[in-house]
Protein backbone atom coordinates (compact mmCIF):
# COMPACT_ATOMS: atom_id res chain seq x y z
CA MET A 1 50.29 73.65 17.70
CA ARG A 2 46.69 74.19 18.67
CA SER A 3 45.57 76.91 20.85
CA LEU A 4 43.41 76.28 23.89
CA SER A 5 40.42 78.05 22.36
CA SER A 6 40.43 75.89 19.20
CA SER A 7 40.37 72.64 21.19
CA ARG A 8 37.39 73.89 23.17
CA ARG A 9 35.66 74.81 19.96
CA ASP A 10 36.24 71.31 18.55
CA ARG A 11 34.61 69.69 21.57
CA SER A 12 31.59 71.96 21.51
CA CYS A 13 30.86 71.77 17.77
CA GLY A 14 29.09 68.44 17.87
CA ALA A 15 29.00 65.03 19.39
CA ARG A 16 31.33 62.44 18.03
CA ALA A 17 30.61 58.75 18.00
CA GLY A 18 30.98 57.45 21.53
CA ASP A 19 30.92 60.91 23.13
CA HIS A 20 28.26 61.10 25.84
CA HIS A 21 27.61 63.62 28.49
CA PRO A 22 27.46 62.23 32.01
CA HIS A 23 23.85 63.38 32.50
CA GLU A 24 22.72 61.46 29.38
CA ARG A 25 23.68 58.04 30.71
CA GLY A 26 20.68 55.80 31.09
CA SER A 27 18.34 58.12 29.22
CA ALA A 28 17.64 55.44 26.60
CA VAL A 29 16.59 53.02 29.33
CA ILE A 30 14.26 55.61 30.83
CA GLU A 31 12.79 56.44 27.40
CA ALA A 32 12.19 52.74 26.74
CA ALA A 33 10.64 52.31 30.18
CA VAL A 34 8.12 55.00 29.27
CA ALA A 35 7.65 54.15 25.58
CA ILE A 36 7.03 50.41 25.89
CA PRO A 37 4.07 50.66 28.31
CA ALA A 38 2.64 53.48 26.19
CA LEU A 39 2.85 51.31 23.07
CA ILE A 40 1.24 48.41 24.92
CA ALA A 41 -1.59 50.69 26.09
CA VAL A 42 -2.20 51.95 22.55
CA THR A 43 -2.20 48.38 21.22
CA LEU A 44 -4.69 47.26 23.86
CA ALA A 45 -6.91 50.25 23.09
CA LEU A 46 -6.88 49.33 19.40
CA LEU A 47 -7.77 45.73 20.20
CA TRP A 48 -10.61 46.94 22.43
CA THR A 49 -11.91 49.16 19.62
CA ILE A 50 -11.78 46.29 17.14
CA SER A 51 -13.63 44.08 19.62
CA LEU A 52 -16.37 46.70 19.94
CA GLY A 53 -16.64 46.97 16.16
CA VAL A 54 -16.89 43.21 15.66
CA THR A 55 -19.53 42.94 18.39
CA HIS A 56 -21.51 45.77 16.83
CA VAL A 57 -21.57 43.96 13.48
CA ARG A 58 -22.72 40.73 15.17
CA VAL A 59 -25.44 42.55 17.16
CA ASP A 60 -26.63 44.38 14.03
CA GLU A 61 -26.87 41.14 12.06
CA ALA A 62 -28.71 39.42 14.92
CA ALA A 63 -31.22 42.29 15.21
CA TYR A 64 -31.92 42.29 11.48
CA SER A 65 -32.30 38.48 11.33
CA ALA A 66 -34.60 38.54 14.35
CA ALA A 67 -36.74 41.31 12.85
CA ARG A 68 -37.05 39.41 9.56
CA LEU A 69 -38.02 36.26 11.43
CA ALA A 70 -40.63 38.14 13.46
CA ALA A 71 -41.95 39.86 10.32
CA ARG A 72 -42.60 36.42 8.81
CA GLY A 73 -44.80 35.55 11.78
CA ALA A 74 -42.47 33.57 14.06
CA SER A 75 -43.31 33.50 17.74
CA GLU A 76 -41.46 35.74 20.20
CA ASP A 77 -39.87 32.69 21.85
CA SER A 78 -38.42 31.41 18.58
CA VAL A 79 -37.08 34.90 17.77
CA ARG A 80 -35.38 35.09 21.18
CA LEU A 81 -33.95 31.60 20.74
CA ALA A 82 -32.57 32.55 17.31
CA VAL A 83 -30.84 35.63 18.71
CA GLN A 84 -29.46 33.80 21.74
CA SER A 85 -28.04 31.07 19.51
CA ARG A 86 -25.84 33.78 17.96
CA LEU A 87 -25.25 35.90 21.06
CA ALA A 88 -25.73 33.93 24.27
CA SER A 89 -25.78 36.91 26.64
CA ALA A 90 -27.82 39.27 24.44
CA GLU A 91 -30.93 41.09 25.62
CA ILE A 92 -33.80 41.29 23.15
CA GLU A 93 -36.65 43.80 23.03
CA MET A 94 -39.42 43.37 20.48
CA THR A 95 -42.14 45.85 19.60
CA GLY A 96 -44.40 46.19 16.64
CA ASP A 97 -47.63 47.41 15.16
CA ALA A 98 -49.81 46.19 12.32
CA ASP A 99 -47.29 47.18 9.65
CA THR A 100 -43.80 46.83 11.18
CA VAL A 101 -41.74 44.83 13.63
CA SER A 102 -38.90 46.38 15.63
CA VAL A 103 -36.23 44.32 17.37
CA THR A 104 -33.52 45.80 19.56
CA VAL A 105 -30.61 43.56 20.52
CA THR A 106 -28.14 44.61 23.22
CA ASP A 107 -24.98 42.77 24.15
CA HIS A 108 -22.23 43.74 26.59
CA VAL A 109 -18.56 43.62 25.65
CA LEU A 110 -16.34 42.83 28.62
CA ALA A 111 -12.93 44.46 28.70
CA ASP A 112 -10.15 41.90 28.68
CA VAL A 113 -7.53 44.50 29.53
CA PRO A 114 -5.84 44.15 32.93
CA ILE A 115 -6.57 47.73 33.98
CA LEU A 116 -10.20 47.68 32.75
CA ARG A 117 -11.04 44.07 33.61
CA GLY A 118 -14.71 43.71 34.45
CA LEU A 119 -15.78 46.87 32.61
CA ALA A 120 -18.74 46.11 30.35
CA THR A 121 -19.69 48.32 27.44
CA PRO A 122 -23.20 47.88 26.00
CA VAL A 123 -23.49 47.54 22.23
CA SER A 124 -26.96 47.64 20.74
CA ALA A 125 -28.67 47.72 17.37
CA THR A 126 -32.28 48.13 16.29
CA ALA A 127 -33.85 46.75 13.12
CA VAL A 128 -37.28 47.70 11.84
CA VAL A 129 -38.82 45.50 9.16
CA ALA A 130 -42.20 45.63 7.44
CA ARG A 131 -44.48 42.72 8.25
CA GLU A 132 -44.89 40.26 5.40
CA ILE A 133 -48.40 39.81 4.11
CA GLU A 134 -49.59 36.24 3.98
C-alpha cells in the first residue's frame, strides 16, 4: 500500500505523456501565433536585403559600363540611354576632367513588403575611368 506522501511525490517528479497543467492549455497555439509572423517578418527582411544587394550589383555594373563608354568618347546622351536601357528609373550624373570620367548611377529600390510598401531606398555606385587616348 502506498502512502499519501509517495503518491504526491510521483506526481511532482515529472510530467508523463498526456499530463498537462490546466494553465498550459493553448500555449502552443499562442506560441505559434507569435512565432509564425516573426518568421514571416525575418523572411521578408532577408528578401529585402537580397533585393538591395542585387540592385547594387546592377547599379555598379551600369556605372562602370557608362564610365567606360564615356571614356571612349561617347556623347552624354548615348551614355544616359545605355544606362537607362539597363535601369529604366536610374538617375545618372557625369563629371570629368581631361584625364578621367566619373559616372554616378542612382536607382531606388521600392519595398514590396506590405508594412513598408512605398518605401524607396536609394542605391548608388560611382565609377571613375581614365579617358582613352585616341
